PDB file of N, CA and C in Angstrom:
ATOM      1  N   UNK A   1      60.477  78.184  48.481  1.00  0.00           N
ATOM      2  CA  UNK A   1      61.961  77.871  48.377  1.00  0.00           C
ATOM      3  C   UNK A   1      62.602  77.385  49.673  1.00  0.00           C
ATOM      4  N   UNK A   2      63.443  76.601  49.892  1.00  0.00           N
ATOM      5  CA  UNK A   2      63.906  75.855  51.002  1.00  0.00           C
ATOM      6  C   UNK A   2      65.539  75.945  50.299  1.00  0.00           C
ATOM      7  N   UNK A   3      66.339  76.397  51.148  1.00  0.00           N
ATOM      8  CA  UNK A   3      67.913  76.996  51.057  1.00  0.00           C
ATOM      9  C   UNK A   3      68.485  75.935  52.746  1.00  0.00           C
ATOM     10  N   UNK A   4      67.701  75.233  53.150  1.00  0.00           N
ATOM     11  CA  UNK A   4      68.418  74.875  53.959  1.00  0.00           C
ATOM     12  C   UNK A   4      69.869  73.427  53.753  1.00  0.00           C
ATOM     13  N   UNK A   5      69.151  73.275  52.364  1.00  0.00           N
ATOM     14  CA  UNK A   5      70.469  71.984  52.293  1.00  0.00           C
ATOM     15  C   UNK A   5      72.203  72.671  51.624  1.00  0.00           C
ATOM     16  N   UNK A   6      71.534  74.059  51.135  1.00  0.00           N
ATOM     17  CA  UNK A   6      72.884  74.483  50.506  1.00  0.00           C
ATOM     18  C   UNK A   6      74.077  74.802  51.885  1.00  0.00           C
ATOM     19  N   UNK A   7      75.283  74.146  51.028  1.00  0.00           N
ATOM     20  CA  UNK A   7      76.778  74.417  51.958  1.00  0.00           C
ATOM     21  C   UNK A   7      76.487  75.991  52.841  1.00  0.00           C
ATOM     22  N   UNK A   8      76.373  76.842  52.255  1.00  0.00           N
ATOM     23  CA  UNK A   8      75.704  78.254  52.869  1.00  0.00           C
ATOM     24  C   UNK A   8      74.658  77.938  54.294  1.00  0.00           C
ATOM     25  N   UNK A   9      73.681  77.256  53.900  1.00  0.00           N
ATOM     26  CA  UNK A   9      72.601  77.333  54.694  1.00  0.00           C
ATOM     27  C   UNK A   9      73.526  76.429  55.886  1.00  0.00           C
ATOM     28  N   UNK A  10      74.003  75.005  55.244  1.00  0.00           N
ATOM     29  CA  UNK A  10      74.725  74.392  56.726  1.00  0.00           C
ATOM     30  C   UNK A  10      76.151  75.644  56.990  1.00  0.00           C
ATOM     31  N   UNK A  11      76.708  76.144  56.970  1.00  0.00           N
ATOM     32  CA  UNK A  11      77.725  76.460  57.279  1.00  0.00           C
ATOM     33  C   UNK A  11      77.039  77.278  58.728  1.00  0.00           C
ATOM     34  N   UNK A  12      76.023  78.140  58.044  1.00  0.00           N
ATOM     35  CA  UNK A  12      74.888  78.960  58.752  1.00  0.00           C
ATOM     36  C   UNK A  12      74.354  77.849  59.954  1.00  0.00           C
ATOM     37  N   UNK A  13      74.415  77.289  59.594  1.00  0.00           N
ATOM     38  CA  UNK A  13      73.375  76.184  60.779  1.00  0.00           C
ATOM     39  C   UNK A  13      74.629  75.929  61.984  1.00  0.00           C
ATOM     40  N   UNK A  14      75.663  75.584  61.575  1.00  0.00           N
ATOM     41  CA  UNK A  14      76.877  74.983  62.260  1.00  0.00           C
ATOM     42  C   UNK A  14      78.222  75.993  62.840  1.00  0.00           C
ATOM     43  N   UNK A  15      76.933  77.545  62.371  1.00  0.00           N
ATOM     44  CA  UNK A  15      77.719  78.965  62.828  1.00  0.00           C
ATOM     45  C   UNK A  15      76.959  78.952  64.315  1.00  0.00           C
ATOM     46  N   UNK A  16      75.768  78.347  64.031  1.00  0.00           N
ATOM     47  CA  UNK A  16      74.336  78.955  65.132  1.00  0.00           C
ATOM     48  C   UNK A  16      74.756  78.176  66.072  1.00  0.00           C
ATOM     49  N   UNK A  17      75.210  77.128  65.919  1.00  0.00           N
ATOM     50  CA  UNK A  17      75.647  76.006  67.196  1.00  0.00           C
ATOM     51  C   UNK A  17      76.438  76.714  68.080  1.00  0.00           C
ATOM     52  N   UNK A  18      77.367  77.252  67.238  1.00  0.00           N
ATOM     53  CA  UNK A  18      78.883  77.554  68.260  1.00  0.00           C
ATOM     54  C   UNK A  18      77.818  79.021  69.057  1.00  0.00           C
ATOM     55  N   UNK A  19      76.683  79.727  68.987  1.00  0.00           N
ATOM     56  CA  UNK A  19      77.064  80.744  69.719  1.00  0.00           C
ATOM     57  C   UNK A  19      75.591  80.766  70.439  1.00  0.00           C
ATOM     58  N   UNK A  20      76.424  81.269  71.870  1.00  0.00           N
ATOM     59  CA  UNK A  20      76.044  81.363  73.050  1.00  0.00           C
ATOM     60  C   UNK A  20      74.725  82.371  73.243  1.00  0.00           C
ATOM     61  N   UNK A  21      73.622  82.155  74.124  1.00  0.00           N
ATOM     62  CA  UNK A  21      72.324  82.725  73.986  1.00  0.00           C
ATOM     63  C   UNK A  21      72.449  84.280  73.880  1.00  0.00           C
ATOM     64  N   UNK A  22      73.823  84.758  74.406  1.00  0.00           N
ATOM     65  CA  UNK A  22      73.657  86.390  74.406  1.00  0.00           C
ATOM     66  C   UNK A  22      74.252  86.740  72.451  1.00  0.00           C
ATOM     67  N   UNK A  23      74.674  85.962  72.182  1.00  0.00           N
ATOM     68  CA  UNK A  23      75.342  86.036  70.792  1.00  0.00           C
ATOM     69  C   UNK A  23      74.694  86.099  70.130  1.00  0.00           C
ATOM     70  N   UNK A  24      73.869  85.026  70.212  1.00  0.00           N
ATOM     71  CA  UNK A  24      72.331  84.923  68.866  1.00  0.00           C
ATOM     72  C   UNK A  24      71.212  85.800  69.335  1.00  0.00           C
ATOM     73  N   UNK A  25      71.109  86.219  70.156  1.00  0.00           N
ATOM     74  CA  UNK A  25      70.010  87.113  70.859  1.00  0.00           C
ATOM     75  C   UNK A  25      70.578  88.401  69.772  1.00  0.00           C
ATOM     76  N   UNK A  26      71.810  88.758  70.230  1.00  0.00           N
ATOM     77  CA  UNK A  26      72.158  90.130  70.063  1.00  0.00           C
ATOM     78  C   UNK A  26      72.050  90.506  68.312  1.00  0.00           C
ATOM     79  N   UNK A  27      72.446  88.819  67.645  1.00  0.00           N
ATOM     80  CA  UNK A  27      72.386  88.729  66.483  1.00  0.00           C
ATOM     81  C   UNK A  27      71.244  89.109  66.153  1.00  0.00           C
ATOM     82  N   UNK A  28      69.905  88.506  66.643  1.00  0.00           N
ATOM     83  CA  UNK A  28      69.021  88.250  66.303  1.00  0.00           C
ATOM     84  C   UNK A  28      68.014  89.851  66.176  1.00  0.00           C
ATOM     85  N   UNK A  29      68.510  90.563  67.364  1.00  0.00           N
ATOM     86  CA  UNK A  29      68.293  91.781  67.250  1.00  0.00           C
ATOM     87  C   UNK A  29      68.899  92.825  66.332  1.00  0.00           C
ATOM     88  N   UNK A  30      69.767  92.874  65.665  1.00  0.00           N
ATOM     89  CA  UNK A  30      70.302  92.979  64.474  1.00  0.00           C
ATOM     90  C   UNK A  30      69.709  92.920  63.435  1.00  0.00           C
ATOM     91  N   UNK A  31      69.011  91.280  63.174  1.00  0.00           N
ATOM     92  CA  UNK A  31      68.655  91.103  61.836  1.00  0.00           C
ATOM     93  C   UNK A  31      67.202  92.094  62.145  1.00  0.00           C
ATOM     94  N   UNK A  32      66.504  91.665  63.539  1.00  0.00           N
ATOM     95  CA  UNK A  32      64.905  92.548  63.454  1.00  0.00           C
ATOM     96  C   UNK A  32      65.150  94.113  62.865  1.00  0.00           C
ATOM     97  N   UNK A  33      66.028  94.633  63.464  1.00  0.00           N
ATOM     98  CA  UNK A  33      66.575  96.151  63.138  1.00  0.00           C
ATOM     99  C   UNK A  33      66.651  96.203  61.878  1.00  0.00           C
ATOM    100  N   UNK A  34      67.585  95.760  61.059  1.00  0.00           N
ATOM    101  CA  UNK A  34      67.868  95.808  59.145  1.00  0.00           C
ATOM    102  C   UNK A  34      66.453  95.825  58.974  1.00  0.00           C
ATOM    103  N   UNK A  35      65.625  94.585  59.223  1.00  0.00           N
ATOM    104  CA  UNK A  35      64.474  94.241  58.628  1.00  0.00           C
ATOM    105  C   UNK A  35      63.429  95.606  58.816  1.00  0.00           C
ATOM    106  N   UNK A  36      63.269  95.885  60.438  1.00  0.00           N
ATOM    107  CA  UNK A  36      62.489  97.395  60.478  1.00  0.00           C
ATOM    108  C   UNK A  36      63.176  98.299  59.445  1.00  0.00           C
ATOM    109  N   UNK A  37      63.550  97.956  59.567  1.00  0.00           N
ATOM    110  CA  UNK A  37      64.811  99.661  58.604  1.00  0.00           C
ATOM    111  C   UNK A  37      64.784 100.008  57.328  1.00  0.00           C
ATOM    112  N   UNK A  38      63.916  98.459  56.485  1.00  0.00           N
ATOM    113  CA  UNK A  38      63.391  98.965  55.537  1.00  0.00           C
ATOM    114  C   UNK A  38      65.141  98.642  54.387  1.00  0.00           C
ATOM    115  N   UNK A  39      64.119  98.808  53.154  1.00  0.00           N
ATOM    116  CA  UNK A  39      65.096  98.831  52.149  1.00  0.00           C
ATOM    117  C   UNK A  39      66.495  98.125  51.377  1.00  0.00           C
ATOM    118  N   UNK A  40      65.917  96.830  52.197  1.00  0.00           N
ATOM    119  CA  UNK A  40      66.490  95.502  51.655  1.00  0.00           C
ATOM    120  C   UNK A  40      65.869  94.913  50.486  1.00  0.00           C
ATOM    121  N   UNK A  41      66.902  94.625  49.567  1.00  0.00           N
ATOM    122  CA  UNK A  41      65.819  93.745  48.583  1.00  0.00           C
ATOM    123  C   UNK A  41      64.475  92.646  49.452  1.00  0.00           C
ATOM    124  N   UNK A  42      64.199  91.973  48.250  1.00  0.00           N
ATOM    125  CA  UNK A  42      63.513  90.828  48.404  1.00  0.00           C
ATOM    126  C   UNK A  42      63.968  89.579  48.862  1.00  0.00           C
ATOM    127  N   UNK A  43      64.766  89.474  48.181  1.00  0.00           N
ATOM    128  CA  UNK A  43      65.897  88.502  48.401  1.00  0.00           C
ATOM    129  C   UNK A  43      66.844  88.358  49.597  1.00  0.00           C
ATOM    130  N   UNK A  44      67.514  89.900  50.152  1.00  0.00           N
ATOM    131  CA  UNK A  44      67.958  90.022  51.130  1.00  0.00           C
ATOM    132  C   UNK A  44      67.254  89.961  52.246  1.00  0.00           C
ATOM    133  N   UNK A  45      65.942  90.620  52.275  1.00  0.00           N
ATOM    134  CA  UNK A  45      64.891  90.552  53.424  1.00  0.00           C
ATOM    135  C   UNK A  45      64.352  89.156  53.453  1.00  0.00           C
ATOM    136  N   UNK A  46      64.352  88.003  52.712  1.00  0.00           N
ATOM    137  CA  UNK A  46      64.081  86.773  52.664  1.00  0.00           C
ATOM    138  C   UNK A  46      65.658  85.622  53.432  1.00  0.00           C
ATOM    139  N   UNK A  47      66.479  86.466  53.448  1.00  0.00           N
ATOM    140  CA  UNK A  47      67.729  85.820  53.831  1.00  0.00           C
ATOM    141  C   UNK A  47      67.319  86.091  55.018  1.00  0.00           C
ATOM    142  N   UNK A  48      67.228  87.659  55.700  1.00  0.00           N
ATOM    143  CA  UNK A  48      67.400  87.943  57.205  1.00  0.00           C
ATOM    144  C   UNK A  48      66.316  87.222  57.204  1.00  0.00           C
ATOM    145  N   UNK A  49      64.982  87.294  56.860  1.00  0.00           N
ATOM    146  CA  UNK A  49      63.978  86.484  57.484  1.00  0.00           C
ATOM    147  C   UNK A  49      64.637  85.139  58.224  1.00  0.00           C
ATOM    148  N   UNK A  50      65.202  84.525  57.103  1.00  0.00           N
ATOM    149  CA  UNK A  50      65.159  82.755  57.760  1.00  0.00           C
ATOM    150  C   UNK A  50      66.795  82.962  59.121  1.00  0.00           C
ATOM    151  N   UNK A  51      67.560  83.697  58.771  1.00  0.00           N
ATOM    152  CA  UNK A  51      68.752  83.808  59.902  1.00  0.00           C
ATOM    153  C   UNK A  51      67.754  84.313  61.630  1.00  0.00           C
ATOM    154  N   UNK A  52      67.016  85.082  60.987  1.00  0.00           N
ATOM    155  CA  UNK A  52      66.516  85.748  62.297  1.00  0.00           C
ATOM    156  C   UNK A  52      64.972  84.739  62.911  1.00  0.00           C
ATOM    157  N   UNK A  53      64.676  83.619  62.217  1.00  0.00           N
ATOM    158  CA  UNK A  53      63.942  82.248  62.678  1.00  0.00           C
ATOM    159  C   UNK A  53      65.310  81.172  63.518  1.00  0.00           C
ATOM    160  N   UNK A  54      65.873  81.500  62.506  1.00  0.00           N
ATOM    161  CA  UNK A  54      67.285  80.276  63.281  1.00  0.00           C
ATOM    162  C   UNK A  54      67.717  81.063  64.412  1.00  0.00           C
ATOM    163  N   UNK A  55      67.859  82.172  64.332  1.00  0.00           N
ATOM    164  CA  UNK A  55      68.530  82.178  65.554  1.00  0.00           C
ATOM    165  C   UNK A  55      67.309  82.689  66.696  1.00  0.00           C
ATOM    166  N   UNK A  56      66.119  82.733  66.613  1.00  0.00           N
ATOM    167  CA  UNK A  56      65.158  82.605  67.267  1.00  0.00           C
ATOM    168  C   UNK A  56      65.283  81.591  68.025  1.00  0.00           C
ATOM    169  N   UNK A  57      64.680  80.505  66.744  1.00  0.00           N
ATOM    170  CA  UNK A  57      65.536  79.071  67.544  1.00  0.00           C
ATOM    171  C   UNK A  57      66.192  78.613  68.281  1.00  0.00           C
ATOM    172  N   UNK A  58      67.472  79.482  67.832  1.00  0.00           N
ATOM    173  CA  UNK A  58      68.639  78.889  68.695  1.00  0.00           C
ATOM    174  C   UNK A  58      68.541  79.571  70.148  1.00  0.00           C
ATOM    175  N   UNK A  59      68.091  80.619  70.222  1.00  0.00           N
ATOM    176  CA  UNK A  59      67.850  81.380  71.794  1.00  0.00           C
ATOM    177  C   UNK A  59      66.514  80.513  72.512  1.00  0.00           C
ATOM    178  N   UNK A  60      65.580  79.800  71.786  1.00  0.00           N
ATOM    179  CA  UNK A  60      64.444  79.146  72.294  1.00  0.00           C
ATOM    180  C   UNK A  60      65.454  77.931  73.039  1.00  0.00           C
ATOM    181  N   UNK A  61      66.058  77.192  72.446  1.00  0.00           N
ATOM    182  CA  UNK A  61      66.784  76.099  72.342  1.00  0.00           C
ATOM    183  C   UNK A  61      68.043  76.445  73.443  1.00  0.00           C
ATOM    184  N   UNK A  62      68.472  77.514  73.683  1.00  0.00           N
ATOM    185  CA  UNK A  62      69.039  78.192  75.047  1.00  0.00           C
ATOM    186  C   UNK A  62      68.367  78.162  76.503  1.00  0.00           C
ATOM    187  N   UNK A  63      67.194  78.931  76.314  1.00  0.00           N
ATOM    188  CA  UNK A  63      66.046  78.810  76.912  1.00  0.00           C
ATOM    189  C   UNK A  63      65.941  77.402  77.192  1.00  0.00           C
ATOM    190  N   UNK A  64      65.387  76.713  76.591  1.00  0.00           N
ATOM    191  CA  UNK A  64      64.643  75.315  77.092  1.00  0.00           C
ATOM    192  C   UNK A  64      65.599  74.650  78.303  1.00  0.00           C
ATOM    193  N   UNK A  65      67.114  74.778  77.623  1.00  0.00           N
ATOM    194  CA  UNK A  65      67.653  74.153  78.494  1.00  0.00           C
ATOM    195  C   UNK A  65      68.368  74.573  79.938  1.00  0.00           C
ATOM    196  N   UNK A  66      68.369  75.975  79.923  1.00  0.00           N
ATOM    197  CA  UNK A  66      68.307  76.232  81.399  1.00  0.00           C
ATOM    198  C   UNK A  66      66.865  76.173  81.644  1.00  0.00           C
ATOM    199  N   UNK A  67      65.634  75.985  81.151  1.00  0.00           N
ATOM    200  CA  UNK A  67      64.368  75.637  81.885  1.00  0.00           C
ATOM    201  C   UNK A  67      64.858  74.006  82.644  1.00  0.00           C
ATOM    202  N   UNK A  68      65.537  73.322  81.713  1.00  0.00           N
ATOM    203  CA  UNK A  68      65.812  71.719  81.709  1.00  0.00           C
ATOM    204  C   UNK A  68      66.346  71.898  83.490  1.00  0.00           C
ATOM    205  N   UNK A  69      67.551  72.750  83.574  1.00  0.00           N
ATOM    206  CA  UNK A  69      68.640  72.693  84.109  1.00  0.00           C
ATOM    207  C   UNK A  69      67.892  72.961  85.579  1.00  0.00           C
ATOM    208  N   UNK A  70      66.978  74.153  85.547  1.00  0.00           N
ATOM    209  CA  UNK A  70      65.912  74.758  86.708  1.00  0.00           C
ATOM    210  C   UNK A  70      65.343  73.372  87.527  1.00  0.00           C
ATOM    211  N   UNK A  71      64.978  73.059  86.341  1.00  0.00           N
ATOM    212  CA  UNK A  71      63.479  71.655  87.090  1.00  0.00           C
ATOM    213  C   UNK A  71      64.795  70.850  87.742  1.00  0.00           C
ATOM    214  N   UNK A  72      65.699  70.756  87.109  1.00  0.00           N
ATOM    215  CA  UNK A  72      66.592  69.800  87.829  1.00  0.00           C
ATOM    216  C   UNK A  72      67.342  69.654  89.096  1.00  0.00           C
ATOM    217  N   UNK A  73      67.328  71.273  89.075  1.00  0.00           N
ATOM    218  CA  UNK A  73      68.093  71.449  90.425  1.00  0.00           C
ATOM    219  C   UNK A  73      67.048  71.643  91.516  1.00  0.00           C
ATOM    220  N   UNK A  74      65.993  72.472  91.127  1.00  0.00           N
ATOM    221  CA  UNK A  74      65.001  72.330  91.859  1.00  0.00           C
ATOM    222  C   UNK A  74      64.392  70.820  92.292  1.00  0.00           C
ATOM    223  N   UNK A  75      64.260  69.674  91.858  1.00  0.00           N
ATOM    224  CA  UNK A  75      64.092  68.157  92.020  1.00  0.00           C
ATOM    225  C   UNK A  75      65.211  67.823  93.088  1.00  0.00           C
ATOM    226  N   UNK A  76      66.167  68.286  92.741  1.00  0.00           N
ATOM    227  CA  UNK A  76      67.642  67.563  93.305  1.00  0.00           C
ATOM    228  C   UNK A  76      67.494  68.281  94.994  1.00  0.00           C
ATOM    229  N   UNK A  77      67.257  69.069  95.225  1.00  0.00           N
ATOM    230  CA  UNK A  77      67.050  70.671  96.848  1.00  0.00           C
ATOM    231  C   UNK A  77      65.615  69.486  97.036  1.00  0.00           C
ATOM    232  N   UNK A  78      64.828  69.498  96.030  1.00  0.00           N
ATOM    233  CA  UNK A  78      63.868  68.527  97.307  1.00  0.00           C
ATOM    234  C   UNK A  78      63.727  67.382  97.605  1.00  0.00           C
ATOM    235  N   UNK A  79      64.970  66.939  97.044  1.00  0.00           N
ATOM    236  CA  UNK A  79      65.240  65.482  97.625  1.00  0.00           C
ATOM    237  C   UNK A  79      66.198  65.195  98.842  1.00  0.00           C
ATOM    238  N   UNK A  80      67.022  67.085  99.174  1.00  0.00           N
ATOM    239  CA  UNK A  80      67.550  67.315  99.955  1.00  0.00           C
ATOM    240  C   UNK A  80      67.197  66.806 101.660  1.00  0.00           C
ATOM    241  N   UNK A  81      67.205  66.370 102.201  1.00  0.00           N
ATOM    242  CA  UNK A  81      66.702  66.750 103.698  1.00  0.00           C
ATOM    243  C   UNK A  81      66.676  68.017 104.160  1.00  0.00           C
ATOM    244  N   UNK A  82      66.367  68.686 104.689  1.00  0.00           N
ATOM    245  CA  UNK A  82      66.863  70.315 105.293  1.00  0.00           C
ATOM    246  C   UNK A  82      67.806  70.012 106.424  1.00  0.00           C
ATOM    247  N   UNK A  83      68.483  70.860 106.796  1.00  0.00           N
ATOM    248  CA  UNK A  83      69.855  70.982 107.503  1.00  0.00           C
ATOM    249  C   UNK A  83      69.311  70.913 109.135  1.00  0.00           C
ATOM    250  N   UNK A  84      69.974  70.307 109.853  1.00  0.00           N
ATOM    251  CA  UNK A  84      69.529  70.372 111.668  1.00  0.00           C
ATOM    252  C   UNK A  84      69.728  72.048 112.055  1.00  0.00           C
TER     253      UNK A  84
END
Protein backbone atom coordinates (compact mmCIF):
# COMPACT_ATOMS: atom_id res chain seq x y z
CA UNK A 1 0.00 0.00 0.00
CA UNK A 2 1.87 3.06 -1.25
CA UNK A 3 0.49 6.57 -0.89
CA UNK A 4 3.42 8.51 -2.26
CA UNK A 5 1.45 9.82 -5.25
CA UNK A 6 -1.53 11.18 -3.35
CA UNK A 7 -1.93 14.96 -3.00
CA UNK A 8 -1.44 14.69 0.77
CA UNK A 9 1.80 12.75 0.30
CA UNK A 10 3.03 15.28 -2.26
CA UNK A 11 2.21 18.15 0.12
CA UNK A 12 3.98 16.27 2.88
CA UNK A 13 7.05 15.82 0.66
CA UNK A 14 7.03 19.53 -0.15
CA UNK A 15 6.84 20.28 3.57
CA UNK A 16 9.87 18.06 4.14
CA UNK A 17 11.88 19.99 1.58
CA UNK A 18 11.36 23.16 3.61
CA UNK A 19 12.62 21.61 6.87
CA UNK A 20 16.11 22.27 8.11
CA UNK A 21 17.98 19.49 9.90
CA UNK A 22 16.93 20.50 13.40
CA UNK A 23 13.25 20.76 12.44
CA UNK A 24 13.27 17.38 10.70
CA UNK A 25 15.06 15.76 13.64
CA UNK A 26 12.63 17.26 16.14
CA UNK A 27 9.64 16.03 14.15
CA UNK A 28 11.23 12.60 13.79
CA UNK A 29 11.72 12.38 17.56
CA UNK A 30 8.05 13.31 18.06
CA UNK A 31 6.95 10.61 15.61
CA UNK A 32 9.10 8.00 17.36
CA UNK A 33 7.67 9.09 20.71
CA UNK A 34 4.11 8.69 19.47
CA UNK A 35 4.87 5.26 18.02
CA UNK A 36 6.58 4.13 21.21
CA UNK A 37 3.68 5.38 23.34
CA UNK A 38 1.29 3.09 21.47
CA UNK A 39 -2.43 3.54 21.40
CA UNK A 40 -2.60 4.63 17.77
CA UNK A 41 -4.76 2.77 15.29
CA UNK A 42 -3.06 0.61 12.70
CA UNK A 43 -3.75 3.19 9.99
CA UNK A 44 -2.36 6.02 12.12
CA UNK A 45 0.67 3.93 13.07
CA UNK A 46 1.39 3.25 9.40
CA UNK A 47 1.07 6.94 8.58
CA UNK A 48 3.40 7.81 11.45
CA UNK A 49 5.89 5.18 10.30
CA UNK A 50 5.85 6.54 6.74
CA UNK A 51 6.30 10.09 8.02
CA UNK A 52 9.16 8.92 10.22
CA UNK A 53 10.87 7.23 7.29
CA UNK A 54 10.55 10.40 5.21
CA UNK A 55 11.87 12.55 8.07
CA UNK A 56 14.81 10.18 8.60
CA UNK A 57 15.61 10.43 4.89
CA UNK A 58 15.48 14.24 5.10
CA UNK A 59 17.88 14.20 8.05
CA UNK A 60 20.22 11.91 6.13
CA UNK A 61 20.13 14.29 3.14
CA UNK A 62 21.17 17.17 5.41
CA UNK A 63 23.95 15.11 6.98
CA UNK A 64 25.24 13.95 3.61
CA UNK A 65 25.29 17.56 2.40
CA UNK A 66 27.27 18.54 5.49
CA UNK A 67 29.73 15.69 4.84
CA UNK A 68 30.22 16.86 1.26
CA UNK A 69 30.79 20.46 2.38
CA UNK A 70 33.35 19.35 4.98
CA UNK A 71 35.16 17.20 2.44
CA UNK A 72 35.25 20.11 -0.01
CA UNK A 73 36.55 22.46 2.69
CA UNK A 74 39.26 19.96 3.62
CA UNK A 75 40.26 19.54 -0.01
CA UNK A 76 40.41 23.31 -0.48
CA UNK A 77 42.52 23.78 2.64
CA UNK A 78 44.98 21.16 1.41
CA UNK A 79 45.37 23.10 -1.85
CA UNK A 80 46.32 26.30 -0.03
CA UNK A 81 50.05 26.62 0.63
CA UNK A 82 51.03 27.09 4.28
CA UNK A 83 51.49 30.63 5.52
CA UNK A 84 55.11 31.76 5.86
